Amino acid sequence: MKEADSAAVLKAPAQASRGATQRRFTLPSLTLLLVLLLIWQGVCGWYLPRVDKQYAVLLPPPSEVLKAGWELLLSGELLLHLWASLRRELIAFSYALVAIPLGIAMGWWRRVHDMVDPVVELLRPIPPIAWIPLSILWFGVGDLQNQFIIFLGIFFPILVNTIIGVKNIDPNLIRAARCLGANEWRMLRRVVLPAVLPQLMTGIRVGFGVGWMALVAAELVGATTGLGFLINDARSLLRTDIIILGMLVIGLAGFAIDLLIRRLSKWLLPWSVGAQK
């Protein structure tokens, strides 16, 4: 009987979390979005064409954006640009994972921190966008240049959060592991890495967001495919419906990436209260 009660208590938070996620996207929560879409459709689809047709061209209604999206989806062009952007983001993320061992080393060994920290703090405040002109000279226009800009956007949030996670480990855990005879490697693998994971997942979540924004900026000036290129190319053709469509796809893709990372955090960190919220 006690075991059943304990199981029910453990399942309750998870069920409450799933219920909160389901309620988040119910009709009442989308009311404001629907109202804004109706206002947008009314102003841009009915009012502006009667006032000035030029304004109607510069700001098309949602119906025109949806029509342009359907056409690009049928032609396969939208999926092609979306996949090009996602592929660059994932490749750059795989490179940026080097921040994890570097962050653990900087947080765990004081000498490593003192050596590397001045370089990190010198480069970290520089926006990834500021590297675009130099990266074009280094790598040319293409995937490698875009991946370099995204790498800079992802690398530093992961690095900083990993360092903070190591430094915030409960000293009692470290003392207990040492008393039980854990060597340095086992300490890092069995104590430090699990304790760092919640802060690390936060860094990955922030890094993906910054990298996604840096990706679009890099594609605006240094790519022949991708959502940023799609927006810039539509600008030259005065296709504001495609521009707005590209912006909406960027937002939806970023939201989907963030949601996936949050779900992954819940799965990897069942003991973390913050990850389960």
C-alpha atoms as a PDB file:
ATOM      1  CA  MET A   1       0.000   0.000   0.000  1.00  0.00           C
ATOM      2  CA  LYS A   2       2.817   2.381   0.866  1.00  0.00           C
ATOM      3  CA  GLU A   3       4.612   1.545  -2.382  1.00  0.00           C
ATOM      4  CA  ALA A   4       1.480   2.386  -4.380  1.00  0.00           C
ATOM      5  CA  ASP A   5       1.130   5.700  -2.545  1.00  0.00           C
ATOM      6  CA  SER A   6       4.772   6.537  -3.250  1.00  0.00           C
ATOM      7  CA  ALA A   7       4.341   5.751  -6.943  1.00  0.00           C
ATOM      8  CA  ALA A   8       1.284   7.985  -7.102  1.00  0.00           C
ATOM      9  CA  VAL A   9       3.206  10.833  -5.487  1.00  0.00           C
ATOM     10  CA  LEU A  10       6.050  10.452  -7.995  1.00  0.00           C
ATOM     11  CA  LYS A  11       3.674  10.371 -10.967  1.00  0.00           C
ATOM     12  CA  ALA A  12       1.697  13.425  -9.874  1.00  0.00           C
ATOM     13  CA  PRO A  13       4.299  16.081 -10.837  1.00  0.00           C
ATOM     14  CA  ALA A  14       4.828  14.507 -14.256  1.00  0.00           C
ATOM     15  CA  GLN A  15       1.083  14.349 -14.917  1.00  0.00           C
ATOM     16  CA  ALA A  16       0.686  17.957 -13.766  1.00  0.00           C
ATOM     17  CA  SER A  17       3.503  19.013 -16.091  1.00  0.00           C
ATOM     18  CA  ARG A  18       1.896  17.260 -19.071  1.00  0.00           C
ATOM     19  CA  GLY A  19      -1.432  18.831 -18.207  1.00  0.00           C
ATOM     20  CA  ALA A  20       0.148  22.288 -18.073  1.00  0.00           C
ATOM     21  CA  THR A  21       1.758  21.728 -21.475  1.00  0.00           C
ATOM     22  CA  GLN A  22      -1.572  20.631 -22.965  1.00  0.00           C
ATOM     23  CA  ARG A  23      -3.409  23.628 -21.487  1.00  0.00           C
ATOM     24  CA  ARG A  24      -0.801  25.984 -22.867  1.00  0.00           C
ATOM     25  CA  PHE A  25      -2.113  25.621 -26.415  1.00  0.00           C
ATOM     26  CA  THR A  26      -5.861  25.535 -25.786  1.00  0.00           C
ATOM     27  CA  LEU A  27      -8.220  27.959 -27.534  1.00  0.00           C
ATOM     28  CA  PRO A  28      -8.323  30.607 -24.734  1.00  0.00           C
ATOM     29  CA  SER A  29      -4.544  30.902 -24.795  1.00  0.00           C
ATOM     30  CA  LEU A  30      -4.628  31.532 -28.557  1.00  0.00           C
ATOM     31  CA  THR A  31      -7.360  34.177 -28.376  1.00  0.00           C
ATOM     32  CA  LEU A  32      -4.972  37.136 -28.558  1.00  0.00           C
ATOM     33  CA  LEU A  33      -3.154  35.609 -31.526  1.00  0.00           C
ATOM     34  CA  LEU A  34      -6.434  35.070 -33.392  1.00  0.00           C
ATOM     35  CA  VAL A  35      -7.580  38.622 -32.644  1.00  0.00           C
ATOM     36  CA  LEU A  36      -4.292  40.046 -33.930  1.00  0.00           C
ATOM     37  CA  LEU A  37      -4.563  37.984 -37.113  1.00  0.00           C
ATOM     38  CA  LEU A  38      -8.105  39.239 -37.713  1.00  0.00           C
ATOM     39  CA  ILE A  39      -6.998  42.837 -37.183  1.00  0.00           C
ATOM     40  CA  TRP A  40      -4.057  42.318 -39.517  1.00  0.00           C
ATOM     41  CA  GLN A  41      -6.332  40.814 -42.184  1.00  0.00           C
ATOM     42  CA  GLY A  42      -8.871  43.624 -41.854  1.00  0.00           C
ATOM     43  CA  VAL A  43      -6.370  46.488 -41.937  1.00  0.00           C
ATOM     44  CA  CYS A  44      -4.090  45.130 -44.669  1.00  0.00           C
ATOM     45  CA  GLY A  45      -6.682  43.273 -46.722  1.00  0.00           C
ATOM     46  CA  TRP A  46      -9.524  45.792 -46.672  1.00  0.00           C
ATOM     47  CA  TYR A  47      -8.492  49.204 -45.296  1.00  0.00           C
ATOM     48  CA  LEU A  48      -5.028  49.831 -46.810  1.00  0.00           C
ATOM     49  CA  PRO A  49      -6.006  48.972 -50.445  1.00  0.00           C
ATOM     50  CA  ARG A  50      -8.699  51.634 -50.214  1.00  0.00           C
ATOM     51  CA  VAL A  51      -6.346  54.237 -48.744  1.00  0.00           C
ATOM     52  CA  ASP A  52      -3.167  53.618 -50.742  1.00  0.00           C
ATOM     53  CA  LYS A  53      -2.375  50.548 -52.836  1.00  0.00           C
ATOM     54  CA  GLN A  54       1.345  51.067 -52.246  1.00  0.00           C
ATOM     55  CA  TYR A  55       0.858  50.479 -48.530  1.00  0.00           C
ATOM     56  CA  ALA A  56      -1.045  47.286 -49.341  1.00  0.00           C
ATOM     57  CA  VAL A  57       1.960  46.030 -51.339  1.00  0.00           C
ATOM     58  CA  LEU A  58       4.395  46.815 -48.538  1.00  0.00           C
ATOM     59  CA  LEU A  59       2.290  45.073 -45.878  1.00  0.00           C
ATOM     60  CA  PRO A  60       0.220  42.194 -47.319  1.00  0.00           C
ATOM     61  CA  PRO A  61      -2.572  40.508 -45.323  1.00  0.00           C
ATOM     62  CA  PRO A  62      -2.190  37.033 -43.764  1.00  0.00           C
ATOM     63  CA  SER A  63      -4.200  35.495 -46.601  1.00  0.00           C
ATOM     64  CA  GLU A  64      -1.568  36.601 -49.139  1.00  0.00           C
ATOM     65  CA  VAL A  65       1.254  35.340 -46.914  1.00  0.00           C
ATOM     66  CA  LEU A  66      -0.519  31.987 -46.564  1.00  0.00           C
ATOM     67  CA  LYS A  67      -0.990  31.793 -50.329  1.00  0.00           C
ATOM     68  CA  ALA A  68       2.714  32.495 -50.955  1.00  0.00           C
ATOM     69  CA  GLY A  69       3.650  29.875 -48.361  1.00  0.00           C
ATOM     70  CA  TRP A  70       1.449  27.273 -50.015  1.00  0.00           C
ATOM     71  CA  GLU A  71       3.015  27.973 -53.416  1.00  0.00           C
ATOM     72  CA  LEU A  72       6.567  27.712 -52.059  1.00  0.00           C
ATOM     73  CA  LEU A  73       5.650  24.558 -50.153  1.00  0.00           C
ATOM     74  CA  LEU A  74       4.260  22.879 -53.265  1.00  0.00           C
ATOM     75  CA  SER A  75       7.330  23.830 -55.302  1.00  0.00           C
ATOM     76  CA  GLY A  76       9.625  22.471 -52.571  1.00  0.00           C
ATOM     77  CA  GLU A  77      11.534  25.757 -52.333  1.00  0.00           C
ATOM     78  CA  LEU A  78      10.437  26.514 -48.766  1.00  0.00           C
ATOM     79  CA  LEU A  79      11.541  23.113 -47.450  1.00  0.00           C
ATOM     80  CA  LEU A  80      14.835  23.432 -49.326  1.00  0.00           C
ATOM     81  CA  HIS A  81      15.685  26.741 -47.631  1.00  0.00           C
ATOM     82  CA  LEU A  82      14.462  25.531 -44.239  1.00  0.00           C
ATOM     83  CA  TRP A  83      16.593  22.399 -44.398  1.00  0.00           C
ATOM     84  CA  ALA A  84      19.654  24.423 -45.508  1.00  0.00           C
ATOM     85  CA  SER A  85      19.318  26.648 -42.422  1.00  0.00           C
ATOM     86  CA  LEU A  86      18.682  23.734 -40.039  1.00  0.00           C
ATOM     87  CA  ARG A  87      21.631  21.785 -41.439  1.00  0.00           C
ATOM     88  CA  ARG A  88      23.984  24.699 -40.884  1.00  0.00           C
ATOM     89  CA  GLU A  89      22.689  25.129 -37.328  1.00  0.00           C
ATOM     90  CA  LEU A  90      23.189  21.449 -36.475  1.00  0.00           C
ATOM     91  CA  ILE A  91      26.686  21.277 -37.963  1.00  0.00           C
ATOM     92  CA  ALA A  92      27.750  24.415 -36.110  1.00  0.00           C
ATOM     93  CA  PHE A  93      26.244  23.002 -32.903  1.00  0.00           C
ATOM     94  CA  SER A  94      28.329  19.849 -33.259  1.00  0.00           C
ATOM     95  CA  TYR A  95      31.445  22.036 -33.480  1.00  0.00           C
ATOM     96  CA  ALA A  96      30.329  24.140 -30.493  1.00  0.00           C
ATOM     97  CA  LEU A  97      30.124  21.049 -28.259  1.00  0.00           C
ATOM     98  CA  VAL A  98      33.848  21.523 -27.659  1.00  0.00           C
ATOM     99  CA  ALA A  99      32.705  24.174 -25.162  1.00  0.00           C
ATOM    100  CA  ILE A 100      31.545  21.412 -22.784  1.00  0.00           C
ATOM    101  CA  PRO A 101      34.944  19.831 -21.962  1.00  0.00           C
ATOM    102  CA  LEU A 102      36.571  23.275 -22.054  1.00  0.00           C
ATOM    103  CA  GLY A 103      33.964  24.664 -19.644  1.00  0.00           C
ATOM    104  CA  ILE A 104      34.367  21.706 -17.268  1.00  0.00           C
ATOM    105  CA  ALA A 105      38.142  22.144 -17.304  1.00  0.00           C
ATOM    106  CA  MET A 106      37.857  25.891 -16.658  1.00  0.00           C
ATOM    107  CA  GLY A 107      35.384  25.369 -13.837  1.00  0.00           C
ATOM    108  CA  TRP A 108      37.258  22.480 -12.206  1.00  0.00           C
ATOM    109  CA  TRP A 109      40.923  23.528 -12.503  1.00  0.00           C
ATOM    110  CA  ARG A 110      41.799  27.042 -11.411  1.00  0.00           C
ATOM    111  CA  ARG A 111      44.971  27.178 -13.486  1.00  0.00           C
ATOM    112  CA  VAL A 112      43.078  26.402 -16.707  1.00  0.00           C
ATOM    113  CA  HIS A 113      40.521  29.070 -15.853  1.00  0.00           C
ATOM    114  CA  ASP A 114      43.177  31.720 -15.229  1.00  0.00           C
ATOM    115  CA  MET A 115      44.863  30.927 -18.554  1.00  0.00           C
ATOM    116  CA  VAL A 116      41.801  30.765 -20.809  1.00  0.00           C
ATOM    117  CA  ASP A 117      39.400  33.224 -19.174  1.00  0.00           C
ATOM    118  CA  PRO A 118      41.098  36.442 -20.448  1.00  0.00           C
ATOM    119  CA  VAL A 119      40.802  35.198 -24.034  1.00  0.00           C
ATOM    120  CA  VAL A 120      37.188  34.166 -23.550  1.00  0.00           C
ATOM    121  CA  GLU A 121      36.199  37.458 -21.941  1.00  0.00           C
ATOM    122  CA  LEU A 122      37.890  39.374 -24.756  1.00  0.00           C
ATOM    123  CA  LEU A 123      36.066  37.509 -27.528  1.00  0.00           C
ATOM    124  CA  ARG A 124      32.707  36.855 -25.857  1.00  0.00           C
ATOM    125  CA  PRO A 125      31.350  40.444 -25.974  1.00  0.00           C
ATOM    126  CA  ILE A 126      31.957  40.686 -29.739  1.00  0.00           C
ATOM    127  CA  PRO A 127      28.606  40.026 -31.499  1.00  0.00           C
ATOM    128  CA  PRO A 128      28.704  37.172 -34.031  1.00  0.00           C
ATOM    129  CA  ILE A 129      27.387  39.584 -36.667  1.00  0.00           C
ATOM    130  CA  ALA A 130      30.550  41.696 -36.297  1.00  0.00           C
ATOM    131  CA  TRP A 131      32.557  38.714 -37.579  1.00  0.00           C
ATOM    132  CA  ILE A 132      30.614  38.518 -40.872  1.00  0.00           C
ATOM    133  CA  PRO A 133      32.910  40.760 -43.012  1.00  0.00           C
ATOM    134  CA  LEU A 134      36.052  39.022 -41.773  1.00  0.00           C
ATOM    135  CA  SER A 135      34.512  35.548 -42.094  1.00  0.00           C
ATOM    136  CA  ILE A 136      33.588  36.244 -45.724  1.00  0.00           C
ATOM    137  CA  LEU A 137      37.232  37.162 -46.419  1.00  0.00           C
ATOM    138  CA  TRP A 138      38.401  34.010 -44.629  1.00  0.00           C
ATOM    139  CA  PHE A 139      35.911  31.421 -45.880  1.00  0.00           C
ATOM    140  CA  GLY A 140      34.148  33.078 -48.813  1.00  0.00           C
ATOM    141  CA  VAL A 141      30.389  33.027 -49.327  1.00  0.00           C
ATOM    142  CA  GLY A 142      28.953  29.637 -48.413  1.00  0.00           C
ATOM    143  CA  ASP A 143      28.211  27.099 -45.725  1.00  0.00           C
ATOM    144  CA  LEU A 144      31.543  27.278 -43.914  1.00  0.00           C
ATOM    145  CA  GLN A 145      31.224  31.017 -43.388  1.00  0.00           C
ATOM    146  CA  ASN A 146      27.661  30.645 -42.090  1.00  0.00           C
ATOM    147  CA  GLN A 147      28.660  27.796 -39.788  1.00  0.00           C
ATOM    148  CA  PHE A 148      31.472  29.888 -38.324  1.00  0.00           C
ATOM    149  CA  ILE A 149      29.053  32.703 -37.421  1.00  0.00           C
ATOM    150  CA  ILE A 150      26.570  30.235 -35.884  1.00  0.00           C
ATOM    151  CA  PHE A 151      29.392  28.513 -33.980  1.00  0.00           C
ATOM    152  CA  LEU A 152      30.286  31.809 -32.302  1.00  0.00           C
ATOM    153  CA  GLY A 153      26.663  32.326 -31.318  1.00  0.00           C
ATOM    154  CA  ILE A 154      26.321  28.863 -29.745  1.00  0.00           C
ATOM    155  CA  PHE A 155      29.791  28.380 -28.265  1.00  0.00           C
ATOM    156  CA  PHE A 156      29.917  31.085 -25.598  1.00  0.00           C
ATOM    157  CA  PRO A 157      26.503  30.482 -23.936  1.00  0.00           C
ATOM    158  CA  ILE A 158      27.342  26.784 -23.576  1.00  0.00           C
ATOM    159  CA  LEU A 159      30.827  27.577 -22.259  1.00  0.00           C
ATOM    160  CA  VAL A 160      29.702  30.136 -19.672  1.00  0.00           C
ATOM    161  CA  ASN A 161      26.822  27.996 -18.384  1.00  0.00           C
ATOM    162  CA  THR A 162      29.097  24.957 -18.107  1.00  0.00           C
ATOM    163  CA  ILE A 163      31.638  26.919 -16.061  1.00  0.00           C
ATOM    164  CA  ILE A 164      28.894  28.243 -13.770  1.00  0.00           C
ATOM    165  CA  GLY A 165      27.448  24.750 -13.387  1.00  0.00           C
ATOM    166  CA  VAL A 166      30.807  23.325 -12.272  1.00  0.00           C
ATOM    167  CA  LYS A 167      31.452  26.141  -9.809  1.00  0.00           C
ATOM    168  CA  ASN A 168      27.977  25.774  -8.276  1.00  0.00           C
ATOM    169  CA  ILE A 169      28.342  22.075  -7.439  1.00  0.00           C
ATOM    170  CA  ASP A 170      27.530  21.329  -3.811  1.00  0.00           C
ATOM    171  CA  PRO A 171      30.896  20.934  -1.991  1.00  0.00           C
ATOM    172  CA  ASN A 172      29.375  18.160   0.114  1.00  0.00           C
ATOM    173  CA  LEU A 173      29.009  16.011  -3.022  1.00  0.00           C
ATOM    174  CA  ILE A 174      32.673  16.486  -3.844  1.00  0.00           C
ATOM    175  CA  ARG A 175      33.800  15.716  -0.277  1.00  0.00           C
ATOM    176  CA  ALA A 176      31.610  12.619  -0.153  1.00  0.00           C
ATOM    177  CA  ALA A 177      33.013  11.307  -3.435  1.00  0.00           C
ATOM    178  CA  ARG A 178      36.585  11.900  -2.289  1.00  0.00           C
ATOM    179  CA  CYS A 179      35.899  10.137   1.014  1.00  0.00           C
ATOM    180  CA  LEU A 180      34.650   7.134  -0.954  1.00  0.00           C
ATOM    181  CA  GLY A 181      37.937   7.028  -2.857  1.00  0.00           C
ATOM    182  CA  ALA A 182      36.890   8.501  -6.221  1.00  0.00           C
ATOM    183  CA  ASN A 183      39.843   9.433  -8.413  1.00  0.00           C
ATOM    184  CA  GLU A 184      39.881  12.571 -10.613  1.00  0.00           C
ATOM    185  CA  TRP A 185      38.419  10.889 -13.723  1.00  0.00           C
ATOM    186  CA  ARG A 186      35.635   9.161 -11.808  1.00  0.00           C
ATOM    187  CA  MET A 187      34.899  12.414  -9.969  1.00  0.00           C
ATOM    188  CA  LEU A 188      34.411  14.247 -13.269  1.00  0.00           C
ATOM    189  CA  ARG A 189      32.344  11.460 -14.796  1.00  0.00           C
ATOM    190  CA  ARG A 190      30.135  10.456 -11.862  1.00  0.00           C
ATOM    191  CA  VAL A 191      29.781  13.717  -9.912  1.00  0.00           C
ATOM    192  CA  VAL A 192      30.680  16.783 -11.970  1.00  0.00           C
ATOM    193  CA  LEU A 193      29.004  15.916 -15.287  1.00  0.00           C
ATOM    194  CA  PRO A 194      25.594  14.920 -13.803  1.00  0.00           C
ATOM    195  CA  ALA A 195      25.627  17.998 -11.559  1.00  0.00           C
ATOM    196  CA  VAL A 196      26.427  20.268 -14.510  1.00  0.00           C
ATOM    197  CA  LEU A 197      23.692  18.910 -16.804  1.00  0.00           C
ATOM    198  CA  PRO A 198      20.848  21.273 -15.738  1.00  0.00           C
ATOM    199  CA  GLN A 199      22.992  24.369 -16.267  1.00  0.00           C
ATOM    200  CA  LEU A 200      24.436  22.853 -19.446  1.00  0.00           C
ATOM    201  CA  MET A 201      20.987  22.314 -20.960  1.00  0.00           C
ATOM    202  CA  THR A 202      20.203  25.966 -20.213  1.00  0.00           C
ATOM    203  CA  GLY A 203      23.350  26.949 -22.081  1.00  0.00           C
ATOM    204  CA  ILE A 204      22.378  24.756 -25.038  1.00  0.00           C
ATOM    205  CA  ARG A 205      18.916  26.293 -25.100  1.00  0.00           C
ATOM    206  CA  VAL A 206      20.283  29.851 -25.031  1.00  0.00           C
ATOM    207  CA  GLY A 207      23.037  28.981 -27.495  1.00  0.00           C
ATOM    208  CA  PHE A 208      20.628  27.514 -30.030  1.00  0.00           C
ATOM    209  CA  GLY A 209      18.542  30.698 -29.864  1.00  0.00           C
ATOM    210  CA  VAL A 210      21.520  33.009 -30.345  1.00  0.00           C
ATOM    211  CA  GLY A 211      22.903  30.762 -33.077  1.00  0.00           C
ATOM    212  CA  TRP A 212      19.575  30.743 -34.905  1.00  0.00           C
ATOM    213  CA  MET A 213      19.471  34.555 -34.906  1.00  0.00           C
ATOM    214  CA  ALA A 214      23.114  34.763 -36.025  1.00  0.00           C
ATOM    215  CA  LEU A 215      22.383  32.238 -38.788  1.00  0.00           C
ATOM    216  CA  VAL A 216      19.701  34.421 -40.349  1.00  0.00           C
ATOM    217  CA  ALA A 217      21.978  37.474 -40.205  1.00  0.00           C
ATOM    218  CA  ALA A 218      24.809  35.532 -41.859  1.00  0.00           C
ATOM    219  CA  GLU A 219      22.525  34.180 -44.594  1.00  0.00           C
ATOM    220  CA  LEU A 220      21.298  37.679 -45.429  1.00  0.00           C
ATOM    221  CA  VAL A 221      24.718  38.627 -46.754  1.00  0.00           C
ATOM    222  CA  GLY A 222      26.693  35.429 -47.242  1.00  0.00           C
ATOM    223  CA  ALA A 223      24.596  32.541 -48.554  1.00  0.00           C
ATOM    224  CA  THR A 224      22.838  31.292 -51.658  1.00  0.00           C
ATOM    225  CA  THR A 225      20.313  29.154 -49.767  1.00  0.00           C
ATOM    226  CA  GLY A 226      18.539  29.328 -46.432  1.00  0.00           C
ATOM    227  CA  LEU A 227      15.743  31.339 -44.868  1.00  0.00           C
ATOM    228  CA  GLY A 228      17.890  34.473 -44.600  1.00  0.00           C
ATOM    229  CA  PHE A 229      18.706  34.258 -48.294  1.00  0.00           C
ATOM    230  CA  LEU A 230      15.024  33.700 -49.080  1.00  0.00           C
ATOM    231  CA  ILE A 231      14.097  36.926 -47.281  1.00  0.00           C
ATOM    232  CA  ASN A 232      16.849  38.948 -48.936  1.00  0.00           C
ATOM    233  CA  ASP A 233      16.031  37.584 -52.380  1.00  0.00           C
ATOM    234  CA  ALA A 234      12.328  38.401 -51.887  1.00  0.00           C
ATOM    235  CA  ARG A 235      13.279  41.960 -50.917  1.00  0.00           C
ATOM    236  CA  SER A 236      14.943  42.516 -54.287  1.00  0.00           C
ATOM    237  CA  LEU A 237      11.725  41.339 -56.000  1.00  0.00           C
ATOM    238  CA  LEU A 238       9.449  43.399 -53.707  1.00  0.00           C
ATOM    239  CA  ARG A 239       7.733  40.185 -52.574  1.00  0.00           C
ATOM    240  CA  THR A 240       6.805  41.340 -49.091  1.00  0.00           C
ATOM    241  CA  ASP A 241       4.513  38.346 -48.695  1.00  0.00           C
ATOM    242  CA  ILE A 242       7.533  36.020 -49.004  1.00  0.00           C
ATOM    243  CA  ILE A 243       9.555  38.235 -46.654  1.00  0.00           C
ATOM    244  CA  ILE A 244       6.896  37.961 -43.950  1.00  0.00           C
ATOM    245  CA  LEU A 245       6.529  34.247 -44.666  1.00  0.00           C
ATOM    246  CA  GLY A 246      10.268  33.756 -44.156  1.00  0.00           C
ATOM    247  CA  MET A 247      10.126  35.672 -40.872  1.00  0.00           C
ATOM    248  CA  LEU A 248       7.228  33.533 -39.640  1.00  0.00           C
ATOM    249  CA  VAL A 249       9.010  30.303 -40.612  1.00  0.00           C
ATOM    250  CA  ILE A 250      12.119  31.482 -38.749  1.00  0.00           C
ATOM    251  CA  GLY A 251      10.016  32.128 -35.657  1.00  0.00           C
ATOM    252  CA  LEU A 252       8.184  28.805 -35.871  1.00  0.00           C
ATOM    253  CA  ALA A 253      11.405  26.864 -36.453  1.00  0.00           C
ATOM    254  CA  GLY A 254      13.055  28.593 -33.509  1.00  0.00           C
ATOM    255  CA  PHE A 255      10.054  27.813 -31.319  1.00  0.00           C
ATOM    256  CA  ALA A 256      10.136  24.152 -32.405  1.00  0.00           C
ATOM    257  CA  ILE A 257      13.870  23.897 -31.616  1.00  0.00           C
ATOM    258  CA  ASP A 258      13.362  25.434 -28.173  1.00  0.00           C
ATOM    259  CA  LEU A 259      10.421  23.108 -27.454  1.00  0.00           C
ATOM    260  CA  LEU A 260      12.499  20.086 -28.490  1.00  0.00           C
ATOM    261  CA  ILE A 261      15.345  21.112 -26.173  1.00  0.00           C
ATOM    262  CA  ARG A 262      12.909  21.551 -23.266  1.00  0.00           C
ATOM    263  CA  ARG A 263      11.433  18.104 -23.879  1.00  0.00           C
ATOM    264  CA  LEU A 264      14.941  16.646 -24.062  1.00  0.00           C
ATOM    265  CA  SER A 265      15.810  18.341 -20.759  1.00  0.00           C
ATOM    266  CA  LYS A 266      12.799  16.755 -19.074  1.00  0.00           C
ATOM    267  CA  TRP A 267      13.854  13.352 -20.354  1.00  0.00           C
ATOM    268  CA  LEU A 268      17.535  13.716 -19.390  1.00  0.00           C
ATOM    269  CA  LEU A 269      16.933  15.440 -16.043  1.00  0.00           C
ATOM    270  CA  PRO A 270      14.041  13.719 -14.257  1.00  0.00           C
ATOM    271  CA  TRP A 271      15.495  14.833 -10.906  1.00  0.00           C
ATOM    272  CA  SER A 272      15.672  18.534 -11.841  1.00  0.00           C
ATOM    273  CA  VAL A 273      12.693  20.563 -10.611  1.00  0.00           C
ATOM    274  CA  GLY A 274      13.475  23.423 -13.011  1.00  0.00           C
ATOM    275  CA  ALA A 275      13.593  21.139 -16.056  1.00  0.00           C
ATOM    276  CA  GLN A 276      10.232  19.567 -15.209  1.00  0.00           C
ATOM    277  CA  LYS A 277       8.409  22.911 -15.043  1.00  0.00           C
END
